[in-house]
Amino acid sequence: MYKFLCALIMYIVVISAILTYTVYEVQNTQIEGVTLPSKFFTEKLEFTDINTVSEIFSGKLTMSQYFKLQNNTIVFDNPIPYRYEDIFLLGTQPHSNGNYEISYNFNNPDNSHFRVWVYKAGFLDSDSVYAEFQDSTLYLKKVLPVFTWDTTLVSMPLENPSSGIVKTVYNPNTGYTEIRYNDIVYITSTLDTPKTINHYAGIGVKGYTFTLSGIETPLLINDDEAPSIFEIIGTLLLWNVSEDYIPNWLNVILIKVPMIFLALAIAFYIRGVS
């Protein structure tokens, strides 16, 4: 019984920590420690007012291994590319017409495959949409549930660009989506807007090198203090955080049911059941 109690406690701690990290991932308006010229920044972001990539981008824990800030440029370097490494811009805001419009000024000397995210949505990225630039084709793709291949929504012949400006346009109210390269529209589509969108901008690279010299989009800097890890874990254990972050049913299955078993196990252990 003692080993069972220890295993349950360890399980709850680990799962709570994982879900807490998920909450931090989807808080896309929390940007702390960024010094920019104004609170609502609409000019071209040249990366001259940041100290690290993590100040304005969110990503995997391994993000700093691949993306670094060098000479006011975000440089991607991966000696063994085998998958996409993605970073997501924090604090993107719509224009007055409701469109999220993000322009990426890039350089791609090694013909790396890369993708720009129209939006990152849902739990485990399901229903997310991105535009992918491969060797001779531009794709608009949708992320399907885990263990399945991403599906192609639209494709268009286009040689993988070595430099230039890629722009995404997306309106969550109408679903209108547009992908441009150097001011030429290559793809338009109408998408079903998902219930929860975590990020409206991001870029991923699968290759050896890639550089990003600027991004143009409205940004909102939010200086509100983010909740601590222990506050989020406590909320998860007592009930749940907002469904924008973690669905109630997932919290019940992964945390509440094991806690019921833990309470029963403690009761039996106190009564001397081995």
C-alpha atoms as a PDB file:
ATOM      1  CA  MET A   1       0.000   0.000   0.000  1.00  0.00           C
ATOM      2  CA  TYR A   2       2.881   2.363   0.827  1.00  0.00           C
ATOM      3  CA  LYS A   3       4.372   1.961  -2.652  1.00  0.00           C
ATOM      4  CA  PHE A   4       0.954   2.533  -4.213  1.00  0.00           C
ATOM      5  CA  LEU A   5       0.543   5.758  -2.196  1.00  0.00           C
ATOM      6  CA  CYS A   6       3.964   7.007  -3.314  1.00  0.00           C
ATOM      7  CA  ALA A   7       3.209   6.175  -6.955  1.00  0.00           C
ATOM      8  CA  LEU A   8      -0.106   8.065  -6.860  1.00  0.00           C
ATOM      9  CA  ILE A   9       1.472  11.116  -5.254  1.00  0.00           C
ATOM     10  CA  MET A  10       4.298  11.127  -7.804  1.00  0.00           C
ATOM     11  CA  TYR A  11       1.809  10.768 -10.674  1.00  0.00           C
ATOM     12  CA  ILE A  12      -0.302  13.725  -9.471  1.00  0.00           C
ATOM     13  CA  VAL A  13       2.786  15.917  -9.017  1.00  0.00           C
ATOM     14  CA  VAL A  14       4.132  15.110 -12.502  1.00  0.00           C
ATOM     15  CA  ILE A  15       0.783  15.567 -14.281  1.00  0.00           C
ATOM     16  CA  SER A  16       0.136  18.847 -12.438  1.00  0.00           C
ATOM     17  CA  ALA A  17       3.557  20.128 -13.511  1.00  0.00           C
ATOM     18  CA  ILE A  18       2.908  19.182 -17.155  1.00  0.00           C
ATOM     19  CA  LEU A  19      -0.497  20.895 -17.188  1.00  0.00           C
ATOM     20  CA  THR A  20       1.021  23.955 -15.517  1.00  0.00           C
ATOM     21  CA  TYR A  21       3.562  24.205 -18.329  1.00  0.00           C
ATOM     22  CA  THR A  22       0.657  24.010 -20.800  1.00  0.00           C
ATOM     23  CA  VAL A  23      -1.007  26.973 -19.081  1.00  0.00           C
ATOM     24  CA  TYR A  24       2.159  29.018 -19.443  1.00  0.00           C
ATOM     25  CA  GLU A  25       2.367  28.045 -23.113  1.00  0.00           C
ATOM     26  CA  VAL A  26      -1.083  29.390 -23.960  1.00  0.00           C
ATOM     27  CA  GLN A  27      -0.788  32.689 -22.086  1.00  0.00           C
ATOM     28  CA  ASN A  28       0.106  34.453 -25.281  1.00  0.00           C
ATOM     29  CA  THR A  29      -0.359  37.981 -23.923  1.00  0.00           C
ATOM     30  CA  GLN A  30       2.058  37.623 -21.046  1.00  0.00           C
ATOM     31  CA  ILE A  31       5.265  39.391 -22.067  1.00  0.00           C
ATOM     32  CA  GLU A  32       7.449  40.294 -19.131  1.00  0.00           C
ATOM     33  CA  GLY A  33      10.655  42.307 -19.133  1.00  0.00           C
ATOM     34  CA  VAL A  34      10.332  43.608 -22.703  1.00  0.00           C
ATOM     35  CA  THR A  35      11.307  47.218 -23.307  1.00  0.00           C
ATOM     36  CA  LEU A  36       9.745  48.554 -26.489  1.00  0.00           C
ATOM     37  CA  PRO A  37       9.120  52.157 -27.560  1.00  0.00           C
ATOM     38  CA  SER A  38       5.409  52.102 -26.652  1.00  0.00           C
ATOM     39  CA  LYS A  39       2.750  49.858 -25.153  1.00  0.00           C
ATOM     40  CA  PHE A  40       1.031  49.340 -28.480  1.00  0.00           C
ATOM     41  CA  PHE A  41       3.864  48.753 -30.924  1.00  0.00           C
ATOM     42  CA  THR A  42       2.846  48.729 -34.587  1.00  0.00           C
ATOM     43  CA  GLU A  43       6.082  49.463 -36.412  1.00  0.00           C
ATOM     44  CA  LYS A  44       8.536  46.917 -37.735  1.00  0.00           C
ATOM     45  CA  LEU A  45      10.057  44.921 -34.894  1.00  0.00           C
ATOM     46  CA  GLU A  46      13.815  44.911 -35.483  1.00  0.00           C
ATOM     47  CA  PHE A  47      14.761  42.966 -32.320  1.00  0.00           C
ATOM     48  CA  THR A  48      16.903  45.895 -31.156  1.00  0.00           C
ATOM     49  CA  ASP A  49      14.993  46.303 -27.885  1.00  0.00           C
ATOM     50  CA  ILE A  50      15.150  42.739 -26.605  1.00  0.00           C
ATOM     51  CA  ASN A  51      17.882  40.787 -24.875  1.00  0.00           C
ATOM     52  CA  THR A  52      16.792  37.206 -25.570  1.00  0.00           C
ATOM     53  CA  VAL A  53      14.477  35.405 -27.969  1.00  0.00           C
ATOM     54  CA  SER A  54      12.308  34.217 -25.061  1.00  0.00           C
ATOM     55  CA  GLU A  55      11.279  37.807 -24.249  1.00  0.00           C
ATOM     56  CA  ILE A  56       8.925  37.971 -27.241  1.00  0.00           C
ATOM     57  CA  PHE A  57       8.623  34.346 -28.330  1.00  0.00           C
ATOM     58  CA  SER A  58       7.250  31.198 -26.730  1.00  0.00           C
ATOM     59  CA  GLY A  59       8.409  27.709 -27.626  1.00  0.00           C
ATOM     60  CA  LYS A  60       9.670  24.368 -26.427  1.00  0.00           C
ATOM     61  CA  LEU A  61      12.057  24.119 -23.500  1.00  0.00           C
ATOM     62  CA  THR A  62      14.780  23.417 -26.090  1.00  0.00           C
ATOM     63  CA  MET A  63      14.061  26.665 -27.996  1.00  0.00           C
ATOM     64  CA  SER A  64      17.296  28.344 -26.858  1.00  0.00           C
ATOM     65  CA  GLN A  65      19.331  25.521 -28.420  1.00  0.00           C
ATOM     66  CA  TYR A  66      18.186  26.493 -31.911  1.00  0.00           C
ATOM     67  CA  PHE A  67      17.102  30.167 -31.870  1.00  0.00           C
ATOM     68  CA  LYS A  68      19.515  32.857 -30.684  1.00  0.00           C
ATOM     69  CA  LEU A  69      19.656  36.634 -30.880  1.00  0.00           C
ATOM     70  CA  GLN A  70      22.787  37.764 -32.719  1.00  0.00           C
ATOM     71  CA  ASN A  71      23.427  41.292 -34.052  1.00  0.00           C
ATOM     72  CA  ASN A  72      19.739  42.219 -33.770  1.00  0.00           C
ATOM     73  CA  THR A  73      18.790  39.149 -35.826  1.00  0.00           C
ATOM     74  CA  ILE A  74      17.169  35.918 -34.707  1.00  0.00           C
ATOM     75  CA  VAL A  75      19.419  33.152 -35.977  1.00  0.00           C
ATOM     76  CA  PHE A  76      18.353  29.519 -36.299  1.00  0.00           C
ATOM     77  CA  ASP A  77      21.090  26.892 -36.282  1.00  0.00           C
ATOM     78  CA  ASN A  78      20.556  23.122 -36.123  1.00  0.00           C
ATOM     79  CA  PRO A  79      23.421  20.712 -36.888  1.00  0.00           C
ATOM     80  CA  ILE A  80      21.104  17.674 -37.112  1.00  0.00           C
ATOM     81  CA  PRO A  81      17.704  18.698 -38.509  1.00  0.00           C
ATOM     82  CA  TYR A  82      15.057  16.000 -38.331  1.00  0.00           C
ATOM     83  CA  ARG A  83      11.905  17.857 -37.278  1.00  0.00           C
ATOM     84  CA  TYR A  84      10.408  21.334 -37.156  1.00  0.00           C
ATOM     85  CA  GLU A  85      11.481  23.625 -34.327  1.00  0.00           C
ATOM     86  CA  ASP A  86       8.860  26.343 -33.745  1.00  0.00           C
ATOM     87  CA  ILE A  87       8.652  29.623 -31.873  1.00  0.00           C
ATOM     88  CA  PHE A  88       5.467  31.660 -31.373  1.00  0.00           C
ATOM     89  CA  LEU A  89       5.222  35.435 -31.138  1.00  0.00           C
ATOM     90  CA  LEU A  90       3.656  36.731 -27.924  1.00  0.00           C
ATOM     91  CA  GLY A  91       1.095  39.504 -27.703  1.00  0.00           C
ATOM     92  CA  THR A  92      -0.074  39.797 -31.328  1.00  0.00           C
ATOM     93  CA  GLN A  93      -3.108  42.048 -31.804  1.00  0.00           C
ATOM     94  CA  PRO A  94      -5.595  42.514 -34.665  1.00  0.00           C
ATOM     95  CA  HIS A  95      -5.853  45.596 -36.845  1.00  0.00           C
ATOM     96  CA  SER A  96      -9.001  47.740 -36.756  1.00  0.00           C
ATOM     97  CA  ASN A  97     -10.521  45.556 -39.503  1.00  0.00           C
ATOM     98  CA  GLY A  98     -10.200  42.464 -37.291  1.00  0.00           C
ATOM     99  CA  ASN A  99      -7.347  40.938 -39.313  1.00  0.00           C
ATOM    100  CA  TYR A 100      -4.231  39.490 -37.714  1.00  0.00           C
ATOM    101  CA  GLU A 101      -1.511  40.479 -40.198  1.00  0.00           C
ATOM    102  CA  ILE A 102       2.043  39.309 -39.570  1.00  0.00           C
ATOM    103  CA  SER A 103       5.009  39.927 -41.898  1.00  0.00           C
ATOM    104  CA  TYR A 104       8.280  38.012 -41.487  1.00  0.00           C
ATOM    105  CA  ASN A 105      11.499  39.365 -43.034  1.00  0.00           C
ATOM    106  CA  PHE A 106      13.707  36.286 -43.457  1.00  0.00           C
ATOM    107  CA  ASN A 107      16.833  34.868 -45.060  1.00  0.00           C
ATOM    108  CA  ASN A 108      17.034  31.179 -45.996  1.00  0.00           C
ATOM    109  CA  PRO A 109      20.484  30.498 -47.515  1.00  0.00           C
ATOM    110  CA  ASP A 110      20.452  26.700 -47.109  1.00  0.00           C
ATOM    111  CA  ASN A 111      17.014  26.091 -48.621  1.00  0.00           C
ATOM    112  CA  SER A 112      15.633  24.971 -45.254  1.00  0.00           C
ATOM    113  CA  HIS A 113      11.996  23.994 -45.135  1.00  0.00           C
ATOM    114  CA  PHE A 114      10.082  26.486 -43.016  1.00  0.00           C
ATOM    115  CA  ARG A 115       6.528  27.267 -41.976  1.00  0.00           C
ATOM    116  CA  VAL A 116       4.653  30.295 -40.687  1.00  0.00           C
ATOM    117  CA  TRP A 117       1.718  29.705 -38.368  1.00  0.00           C
ATOM    118  CA  VAL A 118      -1.645  31.250 -39.173  1.00  0.00           C
ATOM    119  CA  TYR A 119      -2.691  30.227 -35.676  1.00  0.00           C
ATOM    120  CA  LYS A 120      -1.751  27.689 -33.020  1.00  0.00           C
ATOM    121  CA  ALA A 121      -4.927  26.337 -31.477  1.00  0.00           C
ATOM    122  CA  GLY A 122      -6.439  23.876 -29.082  1.00  0.00           C
ATOM    123  CA  PHE A 123      -4.846  21.331 -26.798  1.00  0.00           C
ATOM    124  CA  LEU A 124      -1.745  19.616 -28.236  1.00  0.00           C
ATOM    125  CA  ASP A 125      -1.954  21.929 -31.305  1.00  0.00           C
ATOM    126  CA  SER A 126      -4.915  20.096 -32.882  1.00  0.00           C
ATOM    127  CA  ASP A 127      -6.804  22.295 -35.386  1.00  0.00           C
ATOM    128  CA  SER A 128      -3.779  24.592 -35.795  1.00  0.00           C
ATOM    129  CA  VAL A 129      -3.072  25.909 -39.303  1.00  0.00           C
ATOM    130  CA  TYR A 130       0.235  26.868 -40.927  1.00  0.00           C
ATOM    131  CA  ALA A 131       1.723  27.671 -44.327  1.00  0.00           C
ATOM    132  CA  GLU A 132       4.683  25.448 -45.219  1.00  0.00           C
ATOM    133  CA  PHE A 133       7.398  26.251 -47.753  1.00  0.00           C
ATOM    134  CA  GLN A 134       9.093  23.158 -49.169  1.00  0.00           C
ATOM    135  CA  ASP A 135      11.351  22.636 -52.186  1.00  0.00           C
ATOM    136  CA  SER A 136       8.899  23.557 -54.942  1.00  0.00           C
ATOM    137  CA  THR A 137       5.496  23.822 -53.256  1.00  0.00           C
ATOM    138  CA  LEU A 138       3.724  26.120 -50.823  1.00  0.00           C
ATOM    139  CA  TYR A 139       1.178  24.320 -48.647  1.00  0.00           C
ATOM    140  CA  LEU A 140      -1.561  25.464 -46.316  1.00  0.00           C
ATOM    141  CA  LYS A 141      -1.887  22.677 -43.749  1.00  0.00           C
ATOM    142  CA  LYS A 142      -3.999  21.811 -40.737  1.00  0.00           C
ATOM    143  CA  VAL A 143      -2.750  19.929 -37.687  1.00  0.00           C
ATOM    144  CA  LEU A 144      -4.870  16.868 -36.954  1.00  0.00           C
ATOM    145  CA  PRO A 145      -5.123  15.037 -33.594  1.00  0.00           C
ATOM    146  CA  VAL A 146      -2.013  13.310 -32.294  1.00  0.00           C
ATOM    147  CA  PHE A 147      -0.653  10.233 -34.144  1.00  0.00           C
ATOM    148  CA  THR A 148      -2.073  11.406 -37.487  1.00  0.00           C
ATOM    149  CA  TRP A 149      -0.498  13.244 -40.417  1.00  0.00           C
ATOM    150  CA  ASP A 150      -1.212  16.930 -40.966  1.00  0.00           C
ATOM    151  CA  THR A 151      -3.658  17.430 -43.809  1.00  0.00           C
ATOM    152  CA  THR A 152      -3.128  19.694 -46.815  1.00  0.00           C
ATOM    153  CA  LEU A 153      -5.883  22.270 -47.302  1.00  0.00           C
ATOM    154  CA  VAL A 154      -4.396  24.099 -50.308  1.00  0.00           C
ATOM    155  CA  SER A 155      -1.166  23.745 -52.302  1.00  0.00           C
ATOM    156  CA  MET A 156       0.492  26.034 -54.823  1.00  0.00           C
ATOM    157  CA  PRO A 157       3.689  25.684 -56.943  1.00  0.00           C
ATOM    158  CA  LEU A 158       6.394  27.953 -55.530  1.00  0.00           C
ATOM    159  CA  GLU A 159      10.153  27.491 -55.307  1.00  0.00           C
ATOM    160  CA  ASN A 160      11.393  27.554 -51.739  1.00  0.00           C
ATOM    161  CA  PRO A 161      12.434  31.212 -51.299  1.00  0.00           C
ATOM    162  CA  SER A 162      15.944  32.138 -50.168  1.00  0.00           C
ATOM    163  CA  SER A 163      14.911  35.518 -48.751  1.00  0.00           C
ATOM    164  CA  GLY A 164      12.090  38.037 -48.704  1.00  0.00           C
ATOM    165  CA  ILE A 165       8.940  38.798 -46.744  1.00  0.00           C
ATOM    166  CA  VAL A 166       6.191  36.284 -45.979  1.00  0.00           C
ATOM    167  CA  LYS A 167       2.884  37.635 -44.710  1.00  0.00           C
ATOM    168  CA  THR A 168      -0.085  35.848 -43.169  1.00  0.00           C
ATOM    169  CA  VAL A 169      -3.530  37.428 -42.932  1.00  0.00           C
ATOM    170  CA  TYR A 170      -6.239  35.845 -40.803  1.00  0.00           C
ATOM    171  CA  ASN A 171      -9.598  37.064 -39.539  1.00  0.00           C
ATOM    172  CA  PRO A 172     -11.019  34.870 -36.739  1.00  0.00           C
ATOM    173  CA  ASN A 173     -14.494  36.356 -37.217  1.00  0.00           C
ATOM    174  CA  THR A 174     -14.826  35.393 -40.879  1.00  0.00           C
ATOM    175  CA  GLY A 175     -12.145  32.698 -41.190  1.00  0.00           C
ATOM    176  CA  TYR A 176     -10.592  34.518 -44.157  1.00  0.00           C
ATOM    177  CA  THR A 177      -6.964  33.487 -44.611  1.00  0.00           C
ATOM    178  CA  GLU A 178      -4.297  34.774 -46.961  1.00  0.00           C
ATOM    179  CA  ILE A 179      -0.650  33.850 -47.565  1.00  0.00           C
ATOM    180  CA  ARG A 180       1.598  36.311 -49.384  1.00  0.00           C
ATOM    181  CA  TYR A 181       5.222  36.248 -50.469  1.00  0.00           C
ATOM    182  CA  ASN A 182       6.856  39.553 -51.436  1.00  0.00           C
ATOM    183  CA  ASP A 183       3.418  41.192 -51.704  1.00  0.00           C
ATOM    184  CA  ILE A 184       2.040  38.554 -54.092  1.00  0.00           C
ATOM    185  CA  VAL A 185      -0.982  36.592 -52.858  1.00  0.00           C
ATOM    186  CA  TYR A 186      -0.407  32.857 -53.383  1.00  0.00           C
ATOM    187  CA  ILE A 187      -3.102  31.287 -51.221  1.00  0.00           C
ATOM    188  CA  THR A 188      -6.526  32.381 -50.011  1.00  0.00           C
ATOM    189  CA  SER A 189      -8.876  30.215 -48.001  1.00  0.00           C
ATOM    190  CA  THR A 190     -11.741  30.343 -45.522  1.00  0.00           C
ATOM    191  CA  LEU A 191     -11.112  28.391 -42.324  1.00  0.00           C
ATOM    192  CA  ASP A 192     -13.336  27.258 -39.483  1.00  0.00           C
ATOM    193  CA  THR A 193     -12.246  29.256 -36.444  1.00  0.00           C
ATOM    194  CA  PRO A 194     -11.445  26.925 -33.505  1.00  0.00           C
ATOM    195  CA  LYS A 195     -12.784  27.496 -30.003  1.00  0.00           C
ATOM    196  CA  THR A 196      -9.407  28.380 -28.530  1.00  0.00           C
ATOM    197  CA  ILE A 197      -6.481  30.043 -30.304  1.00  0.00           C
ATOM    198  CA  ASN A 198      -3.243  30.256 -28.329  1.00  0.00           C
ATOM    199  CA  HIS A 199      -1.042  32.163 -30.783  1.00  0.00           C
ATOM    200  CA  TYR A 200      -1.677  34.101 -33.992  1.00  0.00           C
ATOM    201  CA  ALA A 201       1.937  34.204 -35.152  1.00  0.00           C
ATOM    202  CA  GLY A 202       4.879  31.841 -35.208  1.00  0.00           C
ATOM    203  CA  ILE A 203       7.607  30.407 -37.373  1.00  0.00           C
ATOM    204  CA  GLY A 204       9.185  26.961 -37.562  1.00  0.00           C
ATOM    205  CA  VAL A 205      12.283  25.681 -39.352  1.00  0.00           C
ATOM    206  CA  LYS A 206      13.381  22.202 -40.435  1.00  0.00           C
ATOM    207  CA  GLY A 207      16.879  22.638 -41.775  1.00  0.00           C
ATOM    208  CA  TYR A 208      20.374  23.817 -40.904  1.00  0.00           C
ATOM    209  CA  THR A 209      20.177  27.615 -40.892  1.00  0.00           C
ATOM    210  CA  PHE A 210      17.615  30.384 -41.104  1.00  0.00           C
ATOM    211  CA  THR A 211      17.524  34.021 -39.999  1.00  0.00           C
ATOM    212  CA  LEU A 212      14.731  36.397 -39.080  1.00  0.00           C
ATOM    213  CA  SER A 213      15.606  40.094 -39.223  1.00  0.00           C
ATOM    214  CA  GLY A 214      12.241  41.638 -38.442  1.00  0.00           C
ATOM    215  CA  ILE A 215       8.527  41.162 -37.860  1.00  0.00           C
ATOM    216  CA  GLU A 216       5.791  43.660 -38.580  1.00  0.00           C
ATOM    217  CA  THR A 217       2.551  43.342 -36.594  1.00  0.00           C
ATOM    218  CA  PRO A 218       0.768  45.125 -33.740  1.00  0.00           C
ATOM    219  CA  LEU A 219       1.962  43.924 -30.340  1.00  0.00           C
ATOM    220  CA  LEU A 220       0.364  44.411 -26.931  1.00  0.00           C
ATOM    221  CA  ILE A 221       2.728  44.425 -23.997  1.00  0.00           C
ATOM    222  CA  ASN A 222       1.007  43.195 -20.834  1.00  0.00           C
ATOM    223  CA  ASP A 223       2.887  43.939 -17.625  1.00  0.00           C
ATOM    224  CA  ASP A 224       0.434  42.106 -15.342  1.00  0.00           C
ATOM    225  CA  GLU A 225       2.200  39.649 -13.093  1.00  0.00           C
ATOM    226  CA  ALA A 226       1.755  36.063 -14.225  1.00  0.00           C
ATOM    227  CA  PRO A 227       0.571  33.548 -11.627  1.00  0.00           C
ATOM    228  CA  SER A 228       3.290  31.461 -10.039  1.00  0.00           C
ATOM    229  CA  ILE A 229       3.758  27.783 -10.746  1.00  0.00           C
ATOM    230  CA  PHE A 230       2.505  26.913  -7.268  1.00  0.00           C
ATOM    231  CA  GLU A 231      -0.650  29.032  -7.732  1.00  0.00           C
ATOM    232  CA  ILE A 232      -1.503  27.206 -10.964  1.00  0.00           C
ATOM    233  CA  ILE A 233      -0.780  23.779  -9.456  1.00  0.00           C
ATOM    234  CA  GLY A 234      -2.953  24.650  -6.455  1.00  0.00           C
ATOM    235  CA  THR A 235      -5.807  25.721  -8.735  1.00  0.00           C
ATOM    236  CA  LEU A 236      -5.519  22.510 -10.728  1.00  0.00           C
ATOM    237  CA  LEU A 237      -5.643  20.383  -7.578  1.00  0.00           C
ATOM    238  CA  LEU A 238      -8.550  22.263  -5.928  1.00  0.00           C
ATOM    239  CA  TRP A 239     -10.574  22.539  -9.123  1.00  0.00           C
ATOM    240  CA  ASN A 240      -9.354  23.842 -12.487  1.00  0.00           C
ATOM    241  CA  VAL A 241      -7.990  26.845 -14.318  1.00  0.00           C
ATOM    242  CA  SER A 242      -9.993  28.471 -17.127  1.00  0.00           C
ATOM    243  CA  GLU A 243     -11.137  26.135 -19.902  1.00  0.00           C
ATOM    244  CA  ASP A 244      -9.195  28.415 -22.261  1.00  0.00           C
ATOM    245  CA  TYR A 245      -6.149  26.611 -20.884  1.00  0.00           C
ATOM    246  CA  ILE A 246      -7.194  23.137 -19.690  1.00  0.00           C
ATOM    247  CA  PRO A 247     -10.592  21.487 -20.420  1.00  0.00           C
ATOM    248  CA  ASN A 248     -12.510  20.480 -17.289  1.00  0.00           C
ATOM    249  CA  TRP A 249     -12.919  16.883 -18.485  1.00  0.00           C
ATOM    250  CA  LEU A 250      -9.145  16.529 -18.879  1.00  0.00           C
ATOM    251  CA  ASN A 251      -8.556  17.831 -15.376  1.00  0.00           C
ATOM    252  CA  VAL A 252     -11.126  15.373 -13.981  1.00  0.00           C
ATOM    253  CA  ILE A 253      -9.594  12.365 -15.767  1.00  0.00           C
ATOM    254  CA  LEU A 254      -5.925  13.171 -15.172  1.00  0.00           C
ATOM    255  CA  ILE A 255      -6.062  14.708 -11.678  1.00  0.00           C
ATOM    256  CA  LYS A 256      -9.404  14.447  -9.872  1.00  0.00           C
ATOM    257  CA  VAL A 257      -9.944  10.696 -10.355  1.00  0.00           C
ATOM    258  CA  PRO A 258      -6.374   9.843  -9.193  1.00  0.00           C
ATOM    259  CA  MET A 259      -6.945  12.141  -6.168  1.00  0.00           C
ATOM    260  CA  ILE A 260     -10.060  10.154  -5.251  1.00  0.00           C
ATOM    261  CA  PHE A 261      -8.015   6.948  -5.410  1.00  0.00           C
ATOM    262  CA  LEU A 262      -5.321   8.652  -3.309  1.00  0.00           C
ATOM    263  CA  ALA A 263      -7.870   9.622  -0.649  1.00  0.00           C
ATOM    264  CA  LEU A 264      -9.213   6.042  -0.543  1.00  0.00           C
ATOM    265  CA  ALA A 265      -5.695   4.629  -0.377  1.00  0.00           C
ATOM    266  CA  ILE A 266      -4.825   6.917   2.546  1.00  0.00           C
ATOM    267  CA  ALA A 267      -8.011   5.859   4.362  1.00  0.00           C
ATOM    268  CA  PHE A 268      -7.209   2.179   3.879  1.00  0.00           C
ATOM    269  CA  TYR A 269      -3.601   2.738   4.917  1.00  0.00           C
ATOM    270  CA  ILE A 270      -4.695   4.465   8.143  1.00  0.00           C
ATOM    271  CA  ARG A 271      -7.023   1.550   8.864  1.00  0.00           C
ATOM    272  CA  GLY A 272      -4.054  -0.801   8.536  1.00  0.00           C
ATOM    273  CA  VAL A 273      -4.780  -2.306   5.121  1.00  0.00           C
ATOM    274  CA  SER A 274      -1.465  -3.406   3.625  1.00  0.00           C
END
